[in-house]
Amino acid sequence: MLSSALPRRVGVGFKPEHFADILTESQPVGFFEVHAENYMGAGGPPHAQLGRLREDYGLSVHGVGLSIGSMQQLDRHHLARLKTLCDRYQPESFSEHLAWSSHDSVFLNDLLPLPYTEETLARVVEHVDQVQMTLGRQMLLENPATYLLFADSTIEETAFLAEVARRTGCGLLLDVNNVFVAATNHNLDPGDYIDRFPLAAVREIHLSGHSETADELGAPLLIDSHDTPVKDPVWALYQEVLGRIGPVASLIEWDNDVPAWPVLRAEAVSAQHLLDAADRSVAA
């Protein structure tokens, strides 16, 4: 089974509107990430652009439609298309979400949370095993941004992720913004979450912006919107993680209200400065 092997550098999510700008010169990024479901056709401009980028940069394929947390069987046709994509481009990494997004034949345009129980743990382990066996590569599982908690949950999220990684050999994708969003929404300490997270299994980190609103009682409610620069508390939490585990491949996600390429590039450069500092600290 191929292991995830992204360079220990900063990457960005690829947006087609940035393609021409990216090609003007060598960019200060180590890899690009694409959403798998946008590249499941046979050809056309998406594949022409991705093939060109693949010549010069690492590649992370990020799934949003496998519905890993569903109690139903995985969609075999979707999984087959995913295998075709990974076989075609041989990405350094493939990742998915600890969430569900389908019911019967209906696909929902959201990543929905699941209760953390022994039953759901067994199902997620089964699904991760199936994905890794089909793809012949390690997958990374991402912690979710959540807006509610289940009374039925009997396992802490960090322990749930640790057990999935232990049983399947999958890696983990630590989304630092998701940690901050969920902790704020549930009135928890994001540092405590990081304390309990199985950091030894982390192979990639995600950074993104979030929006701020309030619930019906006026309490703060954060939304994982991916439409702003990374916020200062998330940068601080990222530095804390790097201080514990050293430099790890890190991605800037900006999927909505996408800015011009120089703005996204500047976010990547800011993250790279922090990665470089962590690398120097480890070397010292």
C-alpha atoms as a PDB file:
ATOM      1  CA  MET A   1       0.000   0.000   0.000  1.00  0.00           C
ATOM      2  CA  LEU A   2       1.437   3.372  -1.036  1.00  0.00           C
ATOM      3  CA  SER A   3       1.851   5.803   1.851  1.00  0.00           C
ATOM      4  CA  SER A   4       0.920   9.461   1.684  1.00  0.00           C
ATOM      5  CA  ALA A   5       4.055  11.360   0.668  1.00  0.00           C
ATOM      6  CA  LEU A   6       3.355  15.053   0.146  1.00  0.00           C
ATOM      7  CA  PRO A   7       6.375  17.346   0.389  1.00  0.00           C
ATOM      8  CA  ARG A   8       6.719  19.105   3.744  1.00  0.00           C
ATOM      9  CA  ARG A   9       5.747  22.381   2.128  1.00  0.00           C
ATOM     10  CA  VAL A  10       2.653  24.533   1.748  1.00  0.00           C
ATOM     11  CA  GLY A  11       0.136  23.855  -0.997  1.00  0.00           C
ATOM     12  CA  VAL A  12      -3.063  25.520  -2.159  1.00  0.00           C
ATOM     13  CA  GLY A  13      -6.375  24.382  -3.518  1.00  0.00           C
ATOM     14  CA  PHE A  14      -6.316  24.710  -7.313  1.00  0.00           C
ATOM     15  CA  LYS A  15      -8.919  26.956  -8.934  1.00  0.00           C
ATOM     16  CA  PRO A  16      -9.186  27.054 -12.744  1.00  0.00           C
ATOM     17  CA  GLU A  17      -9.352  30.863 -12.769  1.00  0.00           C
ATOM     18  CA  HIS A  18      -5.785  30.896 -11.413  1.00  0.00           C
ATOM     19  CA  PHE A  19      -4.346  28.578 -14.074  1.00  0.00           C
ATOM     20  CA  ALA A  20      -2.872  31.256 -16.362  1.00  0.00           C
ATOM     21  CA  ASP A  21      -1.309  33.153 -13.445  1.00  0.00           C
ATOM     22  CA  ILE A  22       0.230  29.990 -12.027  1.00  0.00           C
ATOM     23  CA  LEU A  23       1.963  29.232 -15.324  1.00  0.00           C
ATOM     24  CA  THR A  24       3.615  32.648 -15.604  1.00  0.00           C
ATOM     25  CA  GLU A  25       6.428  31.633 -13.251  1.00  0.00           C
ATOM     26  CA  SER A  26       7.515  28.986 -10.762  1.00  0.00           C
ATOM     27  CA  GLN A  27       5.252  29.319  -7.742  1.00  0.00           C
ATOM     28  CA  PRO A  28       6.300  29.092  -4.068  1.00  0.00           C
ATOM     29  CA  VAL A  29       4.051  26.108  -3.372  1.00  0.00           C
ATOM     30  CA  GLY A  30       4.880  22.461  -3.041  1.00  0.00           C
ATOM     31  CA  PHE A  31       1.608  20.986  -4.249  1.00  0.00           C
ATOM     32  CA  PHE A  32      -1.921  21.653  -5.404  1.00  0.00           C
ATOM     33  CA  GLU A  33      -5.080  20.051  -4.081  1.00  0.00           C
ATOM     34  CA  VAL A  34      -8.131  19.247  -6.181  1.00  0.00           C
ATOM     35  CA  HIS A  35     -11.531  17.868  -5.246  1.00  0.00           C
ATOM     36  CA  ALA A  36     -11.814  14.403  -6.742  1.00  0.00           C
ATOM     37  CA  GLU A  37     -15.407  14.803  -7.865  1.00  0.00           C
ATOM     38  CA  ASN A  38     -14.466  17.677 -10.198  1.00  0.00           C
ATOM     39  CA  TYR A  39     -12.181  15.402 -12.204  1.00  0.00           C
ATOM     40  CA  MET A  40     -14.223  12.251 -12.702  1.00  0.00           C
ATOM     41  CA  GLY A  41     -14.973  13.005 -16.344  1.00  0.00           C
ATOM     42  CA  ALA A  42     -12.826  11.484 -19.076  1.00  0.00           C
ATOM     43  CA  GLY A  43     -11.255  14.636 -20.472  1.00  0.00           C
ATOM     44  CA  GLY A  44     -11.741  18.295 -21.314  1.00  0.00           C
ATOM     45  CA  PRO A  45     -10.186  21.471 -19.874  1.00  0.00           C
ATOM     46  CA  PRO A  46     -10.131  20.231 -16.248  1.00  0.00           C
ATOM     47  CA  HIS A  47      -7.862  17.327 -17.126  1.00  0.00           C
ATOM     48  CA  ALA A  48      -5.759  19.397 -19.521  1.00  0.00           C
ATOM     49  CA  GLN A  49      -5.054  21.900 -16.755  1.00  0.00           C
ATOM     50  CA  LEU A  50      -4.459  19.291 -14.061  1.00  0.00           C
ATOM     51  CA  GLY A  51      -2.127  17.312 -16.309  1.00  0.00           C
ATOM     52  CA  ARG A  52      -0.061  20.427 -16.940  1.00  0.00           C
ATOM     53  CA  LEU A  53       0.188  21.272 -13.215  1.00  0.00           C
ATOM     54  CA  ARG A  54       1.125  17.693 -12.416  1.00  0.00           C
ATOM     55  CA  GLU A  55       4.288  18.098 -14.494  1.00  0.00           C
ATOM     56  CA  ASP A  56       5.738  20.583 -11.989  1.00  0.00           C
ATOM     57  CA  TYR A  57       3.973  20.158  -8.643  1.00  0.00           C
ATOM     58  CA  GLY A  58       2.887  17.569  -6.123  1.00  0.00           C
ATOM     59  CA  LEU A  59      -0.792  16.634  -6.070  1.00  0.00           C
ATOM     60  CA  SER A  60      -3.299  16.007  -3.291  1.00  0.00           C
ATOM     61  CA  VAL A  61      -6.681  14.540  -4.246  1.00  0.00           C
ATOM     62  CA  HIS A  62      -9.344  15.433  -1.684  1.00  0.00           C
ATOM     63  CA  GLY A  63     -12.658  13.580  -1.788  1.00  0.00           C
ATOM     64  CA  VAL A  64     -15.959  15.086  -0.708  1.00  0.00           C
ATOM     65  CA  GLY A  65     -18.431  12.442  -1.857  1.00  0.00           C
ATOM     66  CA  LEU A  66     -17.464   8.995  -0.563  1.00  0.00           C
ATOM     67  CA  SER A  67     -19.687   9.324   2.521  1.00  0.00           C
ATOM     68  CA  ILE A  68     -17.211   7.461   4.718  1.00  0.00           C
ATOM     69  CA  GLY A  69     -19.434   7.861   7.793  1.00  0.00           C
ATOM     70  CA  SER A  70     -22.610   6.519   6.199  1.00  0.00           C
ATOM     71  CA  MET A  71     -24.154   3.338   7.575  1.00  0.00           C
ATOM     72  CA  GLN A  72     -24.827   2.290   3.962  1.00  0.00           C
ATOM     73  CA  GLN A  73     -22.363   0.529   1.700  1.00  0.00           C
ATOM     74  CA  LEU A  74     -19.940   2.747  -0.180  1.00  0.00           C
ATOM     75  CA  ASP A  75     -21.000   3.608  -3.726  1.00  0.00           C
ATOM     76  CA  ARG A  76     -18.906   1.176  -5.763  1.00  0.00           C
ATOM     77  CA  HIS A  77     -19.258   3.198  -8.976  1.00  0.00           C
ATOM     78  CA  HIS A  78     -18.015   6.326  -7.216  1.00  0.00           C
ATOM     79  CA  LEU A  79     -15.114   4.394  -5.715  1.00  0.00           C
ATOM     80  CA  ALA A  80     -14.241   2.960  -9.136  1.00  0.00           C
ATOM     81  CA  ARG A  81     -14.145   6.446 -10.658  1.00  0.00           C
ATOM     82  CA  LEU A  82     -11.936   7.566  -7.798  1.00  0.00           C
ATOM     83  CA  LYS A  83      -9.538   4.700  -8.467  1.00  0.00           C
ATOM     84  CA  THR A  84      -9.388   5.647 -12.155  1.00  0.00           C
ATOM     85  CA  LEU A  85      -8.513   9.219 -11.188  1.00  0.00           C
ATOM     86  CA  CYS A  86      -5.793   8.183  -8.733  1.00  0.00           C
ATOM     87  CA  ASP A  87      -4.327   5.663 -11.171  1.00  0.00           C
ATOM     88  CA  ARG A  88      -4.195   8.380 -13.833  1.00  0.00           C
ATOM     89  CA  TYR A  89      -2.410  11.061 -11.797  1.00  0.00           C
ATOM     90  CA  GLN A  90      -0.665   9.075  -9.050  1.00  0.00           C
ATOM     91  CA  PRO A  91      -1.186  11.786  -6.397  1.00  0.00           C
ATOM     92  CA  GLU A  92       1.098  11.994  -3.405  1.00  0.00           C
ATOM     93  CA  SER A  93      -1.966  11.974  -1.164  1.00  0.00           C
ATOM     94  CA  PHE A  94      -5.652  11.082  -1.088  1.00  0.00           C
ATOM     95  CA  SER A  95      -7.913  12.258   1.726  1.00  0.00           C
ATOM     96  CA  GLU A  96     -11.569  12.222   2.730  1.00  0.00           C
ATOM     97  CA  HIS A  97     -13.790  13.505   5.552  1.00  0.00           C
ATOM     98  CA  LEU A  98     -15.085  11.887   8.716  1.00  0.00           C
ATOM     99  CA  ALA A  99     -18.656  12.621   7.658  1.00  0.00           C
ATOM    100  CA  TRP A 100     -21.568  11.270   5.647  1.00  0.00           C
ATOM    101  CA  SER A 101     -23.151  12.882   2.612  1.00  0.00           C
ATOM    102  CA  SER A 102     -25.555  10.405   1.027  1.00  0.00           C
ATOM    103  CA  HIS A 103     -28.728   8.456   1.818  1.00  0.00           C
ATOM    104  CA  ASP A 104     -30.052   5.741  -0.472  1.00  0.00           C
ATOM    105  CA  SER A 105     -29.430   7.174  -3.960  1.00  0.00           C
ATOM    106  CA  VAL A 106     -29.512  10.811  -2.857  1.00  0.00           C
ATOM    107  CA  PHE A 107     -26.272  12.783  -2.522  1.00  0.00           C
ATOM    108  CA  LEU A 108     -26.489  15.735  -0.155  1.00  0.00           C
ATOM    109  CA  ASN A 109     -24.540  18.923  -0.766  1.00  0.00           C
ATOM    110  CA  ASP A 110     -23.028  18.880   2.705  1.00  0.00           C
ATOM    111  CA  LEU A 111     -20.662  16.987   4.989  1.00  0.00           C
ATOM    112  CA  LEU A 112     -22.808  15.826   7.876  1.00  0.00           C
ATOM    113  CA  PRO A 113     -21.608  14.707  11.330  1.00  0.00           C
ATOM    114  CA  LEU A 114     -22.095  11.270  12.837  1.00  0.00           C
ATOM    115  CA  PRO A 115     -22.423   9.994  16.389  1.00  0.00           C
ATOM    116  CA  TYR A 116     -19.270   8.434  17.772  1.00  0.00           C
ATOM    117  CA  THR A 117     -20.284   4.964  18.895  1.00  0.00           C
ATOM    118  CA  GLU A 118     -18.867   1.459  18.609  1.00  0.00           C
ATOM    119  CA  GLU A 119     -21.295   0.805  15.744  1.00  0.00           C
ATOM    120  CA  THR A 120     -20.211   3.828  13.712  1.00  0.00           C
ATOM    121  CA  LEU A 121     -16.561   3.130  14.519  1.00  0.00           C
ATOM    122  CA  ALA A 122     -16.835  -0.366  13.059  1.00  0.00           C
ATOM    123  CA  ARG A 123     -18.543   1.008   9.954  1.00  0.00           C
ATOM    124  CA  VAL A 124     -15.967   3.748   9.373  1.00  0.00           C
ATOM    125  CA  VAL A 125     -13.136   1.243   9.813  1.00  0.00           C
ATOM    126  CA  GLU A 126     -14.802  -1.052   7.274  1.00  0.00           C
ATOM    127  CA  HIS A 127     -15.151   1.796   4.788  1.00  0.00           C
ATOM    128  CA  VAL A 128     -11.589   3.063   5.228  1.00  0.00           C
ATOM    129  CA  ASP A 129     -10.276  -0.478   4.730  1.00  0.00           C
ATOM    130  CA  GLN A 130     -12.351  -0.816   1.554  1.00  0.00           C
ATOM    131  CA  VAL A 131     -11.077   2.485   0.148  1.00  0.00           C
ATOM    132  CA  GLN A 132      -7.437   1.688   0.883  1.00  0.00           C
ATOM    133  CA  MET A 133      -7.701  -1.831  -0.568  1.00  0.00           C
ATOM    134  CA  THR A 134      -9.368  -0.504  -3.722  1.00  0.00           C
ATOM    135  CA  LEU A 135      -6.949   2.362  -4.273  1.00  0.00           C
ATOM    136  CA  GLY A 136      -3.850   0.487  -3.143  1.00  0.00           C
ATOM    137  CA  ARG A 137      -2.783   3.526  -1.156  1.00  0.00           C
ATOM    138  CA  GLN A 138      -3.091   5.017   2.293  1.00  0.00           C
ATOM    139  CA  MET A 139      -5.890   7.524   2.727  1.00  0.00           C
ATOM    140  CA  LEU A 140      -5.997  10.405   5.181  1.00  0.00           C
ATOM    141  CA  LEU A 141      -9.107  11.013   7.276  1.00  0.00           C
ATOM    142  CA  GLU A 142     -10.012  14.609   8.157  1.00  0.00           C
ATOM    143  CA  ASN A 143     -11.529  15.775  11.446  1.00  0.00           C
ATOM    144  CA  PRO A 144     -14.823  17.617  10.876  1.00  0.00           C
ATOM    145  CA  ALA A 145     -16.111  21.092  11.653  1.00  0.00           C
ATOM    146  CA  THR A 146     -19.259  20.495  13.708  1.00  0.00           C
ATOM    147  CA  TYR A 147     -22.203  22.579  14.816  1.00  0.00           C
ATOM    148  CA  LEU A 148     -23.942  20.079  17.098  1.00  0.00           C
ATOM    149  CA  LEU A 149     -23.069  17.135  19.318  1.00  0.00           C
ATOM    150  CA  PHE A 150     -24.898  13.810  19.534  1.00  0.00           C
ATOM    151  CA  ALA A 151     -26.283  12.623  22.849  1.00  0.00           C
ATOM    152  CA  ASP A 152     -25.692   9.064  21.576  1.00  0.00           C
ATOM    153  CA  SER A 153     -21.925   9.524  21.293  1.00  0.00           C
ATOM    154  CA  THR A 154     -19.926   7.356  23.677  1.00  0.00           C
ATOM    155  CA  ILE A 155     -16.423   7.984  22.264  1.00  0.00           C
ATOM    156  CA  GLU A 156     -14.534  11.272  22.119  1.00  0.00           C
ATOM    157  CA  GLU A 157     -13.825  12.449  18.578  1.00  0.00           C
ATOM    158  CA  THR A 158     -10.056  12.359  19.080  1.00  0.00           C
ATOM    159  CA  ALA A 159     -10.215   8.816  20.463  1.00  0.00           C
ATOM    160  CA  PHE A 160     -12.485   7.808  17.567  1.00  0.00           C
ATOM    161  CA  LEU A 161      -9.975   9.093  15.015  1.00  0.00           C
ATOM    162  CA  ALA A 162      -7.083   7.475  16.863  1.00  0.00           C
ATOM    163  CA  GLU A 163      -8.827   4.108  16.822  1.00  0.00           C
ATOM    164  CA  VAL A 164      -9.674   4.332  13.115  1.00  0.00           C
ATOM    165  CA  ALA A 165      -6.019   5.084  12.384  1.00  0.00           C
ATOM    166  CA  ARG A 166      -4.846   2.219  14.620  1.00  0.00           C
ATOM    167  CA  ARG A 167      -7.170  -0.368  13.099  1.00  0.00           C
ATOM    168  CA  THR A 168      -6.732   0.597   9.428  1.00  0.00           C
ATOM    169  CA  GLY A 169      -3.276   2.148   9.148  1.00  0.00           C
ATOM    170  CA  CYS A 170      -4.773   5.261   7.580  1.00  0.00           C
ATOM    171  CA  GLY A 171      -3.214   8.633   8.238  1.00  0.00           C
ATOM    172  CA  LEU A 172      -4.981  11.697   9.583  1.00  0.00           C
ATOM    173  CA  LEU A 173      -5.524  15.102   8.055  1.00  0.00           C
ATOM    174  CA  LEU A 174      -5.660  17.662  10.854  1.00  0.00           C
ATOM    175  CA  ASP A 175      -7.827  20.603   9.824  1.00  0.00           C
ATOM    176  CA  VAL A 176      -6.796  23.287  12.318  1.00  0.00           C
ATOM    177  CA  ASN A 177      -9.610  25.623  11.313  1.00  0.00           C
ATOM    178  CA  ASN A 178     -12.125  22.831  11.913  1.00  0.00           C
ATOM    179  CA  VAL A 179     -10.688  22.374  15.400  1.00  0.00           C
ATOM    180  CA  PHE A 180     -11.107  26.053  16.189  1.00  0.00           C
ATOM    181  CA  VAL A 181     -14.597  26.246  14.678  1.00  0.00           C
ATOM    182  CA  ALA A 182     -15.921  23.163  16.480  1.00  0.00           C
ATOM    183  CA  ALA A 183     -14.315  24.056  19.811  1.00  0.00           C
ATOM    184  CA  THR A 184     -15.785  27.564  19.723  1.00  0.00           C
ATOM    185  CA  ASN A 185     -19.222  26.288  18.752  1.00  0.00           C
ATOM    186  CA  HIS A 186     -19.241  23.781  21.620  1.00  0.00           C
ATOM    187  CA  ASN A 187     -17.632  26.115  24.162  1.00  0.00           C
ATOM    188  CA  LEU A 188     -14.521  23.942  24.391  1.00  0.00           C
ATOM    189  CA  ASP A 189     -10.809  24.717  24.445  1.00  0.00           C
ATOM    190  CA  PRO A 190      -9.151  24.021  21.058  1.00  0.00           C
ATOM    191  CA  GLY A 191      -5.828  23.516  22.849  1.00  0.00           C
ATOM    192  CA  ASP A 192      -7.346  20.674  24.865  1.00  0.00           C
ATOM    193  CA  TYR A 193      -8.521  19.077  21.627  1.00  0.00           C
ATOM    194  CA  ILE A 194      -4.987  19.260  20.203  1.00  0.00           C
ATOM    195  CA  ASP A 195      -3.659  17.771  23.463  1.00  0.00           C
ATOM    196  CA  ARG A 196      -5.814  14.678  22.878  1.00  0.00           C
ATOM    197  CA  PHE A 197      -5.399  14.449  19.108  1.00  0.00           C
ATOM    198  CA  PRO A 198      -3.269  11.526  17.803  1.00  0.00           C
ATOM    199  CA  LEU A 199      -0.644  13.835  16.341  1.00  0.00           C
ATOM    200  CA  ALA A 200       1.706  10.989  15.439  1.00  0.00           C
ATOM    201  CA  ALA A 201      -0.733   9.956  12.694  1.00  0.00           C
ATOM    202  CA  VAL A 202      -0.962  13.422  11.083  1.00  0.00           C
ATOM    203  CA  ARG A 203       0.325  13.490   7.504  1.00  0.00           C
ATOM    204  CA  GLU A 204      -1.241  16.767   6.345  1.00  0.00           C
ATOM    205  CA  ILE A 205      -2.700  19.950   7.836  1.00  0.00           C
ATOM    206  CA  HIS A 206      -5.455  22.164   6.446  1.00  0.00           C
ATOM    207  CA  LEU A 207      -5.801  25.895   7.061  1.00  0.00           C
ATOM    208  CA  SER A 208      -8.725  28.062   5.994  1.00  0.00           C
ATOM    209  CA  GLY A 209     -10.905  30.984   6.948  1.00  0.00           C
ATOM    210  CA  HIS A 210     -14.256  30.933   8.699  1.00  0.00           C
ATOM    211  CA  SER A 211     -17.202  33.283   9.106  1.00  0.00           C
ATOM    212  CA  GLU A 212     -18.638  34.472  12.387  1.00  0.00           C
ATOM    213  CA  THR A 213     -22.308  34.747  13.287  1.00  0.00           C
ATOM    214  CA  ALA A 214     -24.515  33.966  16.298  1.00  0.00           C
ATOM    215  CA  ASP A 215     -27.056  31.292  17.148  1.00  0.00           C
ATOM    216  CA  GLU A 216     -30.651  31.947  18.209  1.00  0.00           C
ATOM    217  CA  LEU A 217     -29.509  32.631  21.780  1.00  0.00           C
ATOM    218  CA  GLY A 218     -26.841  35.104  20.706  1.00  0.00           C
ATOM    219  CA  ALA A 219     -23.895  32.792  21.404  1.00  0.00           C
ATOM    220  CA  PRO A 220     -20.974  32.844  18.925  1.00  0.00           C
ATOM    221  CA  LEU A 221     -21.389  30.474  15.996  1.00  0.00           C
ATOM    222  CA  LEU A 222     -18.536  29.904  13.564  1.00  0.00           C
ATOM    223  CA  ILE A 223     -19.058  28.529  10.061  1.00  0.00           C
ATOM    224  CA  ASP A 224     -16.330  26.662   8.185  1.00  0.00           C
ATOM    225  CA  SER A 225     -16.914  28.806   5.107  1.00  0.00           C
ATOM    226  CA  HIS A 226     -13.501  28.803   3.372  1.00  0.00           C
ATOM    227  CA  ASP A 227     -14.152  32.346   2.154  1.00  0.00           C
ATOM    228  CA  THR A 228     -11.713  34.541   4.099  1.00  0.00           C
ATOM    229  CA  PRO A 229      -8.028  34.667   4.993  1.00  0.00           C
ATOM    230  CA  VAL A 230      -6.889  32.423   7.831  1.00  0.00           C
ATOM    231  CA  LYS A 231      -7.797  34.088  11.149  1.00  0.00           C
ATOM    232  CA  ASP A 232      -5.185  34.914  13.803  1.00  0.00           C
ATOM    233  CA  PRO A 233      -6.359  32.308  16.371  1.00  0.00           C
ATOM    234  CA  VAL A 234      -6.086  29.612  13.704  1.00  0.00           C
ATOM    235  CA  TRP A 235      -2.561  30.715  12.793  1.00  0.00           C
ATOM    236  CA  ALA A 236      -1.673  30.540  16.508  1.00  0.00           C
ATOM    237  CA  LEU A 237      -3.123  27.031  16.819  1.00  0.00           C
ATOM    238  CA  TYR A 238      -1.218  25.990  13.683  1.00  0.00           C
ATOM    239  CA  GLN A 239       2.032  27.210  15.239  1.00  0.00           C
ATOM    240  CA  GLU A 240       1.257  25.228  18.375  1.00  0.00           C
ATOM    241  CA  VAL A 241       0.784  22.058  16.319  1.00  0.00           C
ATOM    242  CA  LEU A 242       4.004  22.626  14.370  1.00  0.00           C
ATOM    243  CA  GLY A 243       5.825  23.175  17.643  1.00  0.00           C
ATOM    244  CA  ARG A 244       4.799  19.672  18.700  1.00  0.00           C
ATOM    245  CA  ILE A 245       5.276  17.655  15.525  1.00  0.00           C
ATOM    246  CA  GLY A 246       7.540  19.764  13.317  1.00  0.00           C
ATOM    247  CA  PRO A 247       6.873  20.703   9.680  1.00  0.00           C
ATOM    248  CA  VAL A 248       4.055  18.848   7.928  1.00  0.00           C
ATOM    249  CA  ALA A 249       2.585  19.332   4.457  1.00  0.00           C
ATOM    250  CA  SER A 250       0.031  22.121   4.894  1.00  0.00           C
ATOM    251  CA  LEU A 251      -2.735  23.373   2.622  1.00  0.00           C
ATOM    252  CA  ILE A 252      -4.443  26.741   2.287  1.00  0.00           C
ATOM    253  CA  GLU A 253      -8.124  26.141   1.462  1.00  0.00           C
ATOM    254  CA  TRP A 254     -10.073  29.015  -0.098  1.00  0.00           C
ATOM    255  CA  ASP A 255     -13.126  27.657  -1.922  1.00  0.00           C
ATOM    256  CA  ASN A 256     -15.684  30.494  -1.797  1.00  0.00           C
ATOM    257  CA  ASP A 257     -15.316  34.170  -2.716  1.00  0.00           C
ATOM    258  CA  VAL A 258     -12.037  33.049  -4.256  1.00  0.00           C
ATOM    259  CA  PRO A 259      -9.509  35.904  -4.407  1.00  0.00           C
ATOM    260  CA  ALA A 260      -7.049  36.775  -7.149  1.00  0.00           C
ATOM    261  CA  TRP A 261      -3.994  34.534  -7.354  1.00  0.00           C
ATOM    262  CA  PRO A 262      -1.590  37.006  -5.648  1.00  0.00           C
ATOM    263  CA  VAL A 263      -3.797  37.032  -2.539  1.00  0.00           C
ATOM    264  CA  LEU A 264      -3.924  33.244  -2.301  1.00  0.00           C
ATOM    265  CA  ARG A 265      -0.215  33.054  -3.047  1.00  0.00           C
ATOM    266  CA  ALA A 266       0.493  35.463  -0.176  1.00  0.00           C
ATOM    267  CA  GLU A 267      -1.450  33.228   2.244  1.00  0.00           C
ATOM    268  CA  ALA A 268       0.670  30.288   1.152  1.00  0.00           C
ATOM    269  CA  VAL A 269       3.870  32.290   1.656  1.00  0.00           C
ATOM    270  CA  SER A 270       2.754  33.246   5.188  1.00  0.00           C
ATOM    271  CA  ALA A 271       2.181  29.592   6.029  1.00  0.00           C
ATOM    272  CA  GLN A 272       5.518  28.627   4.492  1.00  0.00           C
ATOM    273  CA  HIS A 273       7.313  31.093   6.779  1.00  0.00           C
ATOM    274  CA  LEU A 274       5.822  29.271   9.780  1.00  0.00           C
ATOM    275  CA  LEU A 275       6.773  25.880   8.329  1.00  0.00           C
ATOM    276  CA  ASP A 276      10.329  27.060   7.754  1.00  0.00           C
ATOM    277  CA  ALA A 277      10.530  28.343  11.342  1.00  0.00           C
ATOM    278  CA  ALA A 278       9.342  24.974  12.631  1.00  0.00           C
ATOM    279  CA  ASP A 279      11.940  23.244  10.496  1.00  0.00           C
ATOM    280  CA  ARG A 280      14.710  25.430  11.905  1.00  0.00           C
ATOM    281  CA  SER A 281      13.482  24.746  15.422  1.00  0.00           C
ATOM    282  CA  VAL A 282      13.620  20.999  14.872  1.00  0.00           C
ATOM    283  CA  ALA A 283      17.119  21.288  13.369  1.00  0.00           C
ATOM    284  CA  ALA A 284      18.320  23.264  16.383  1.00  0.00           C
END
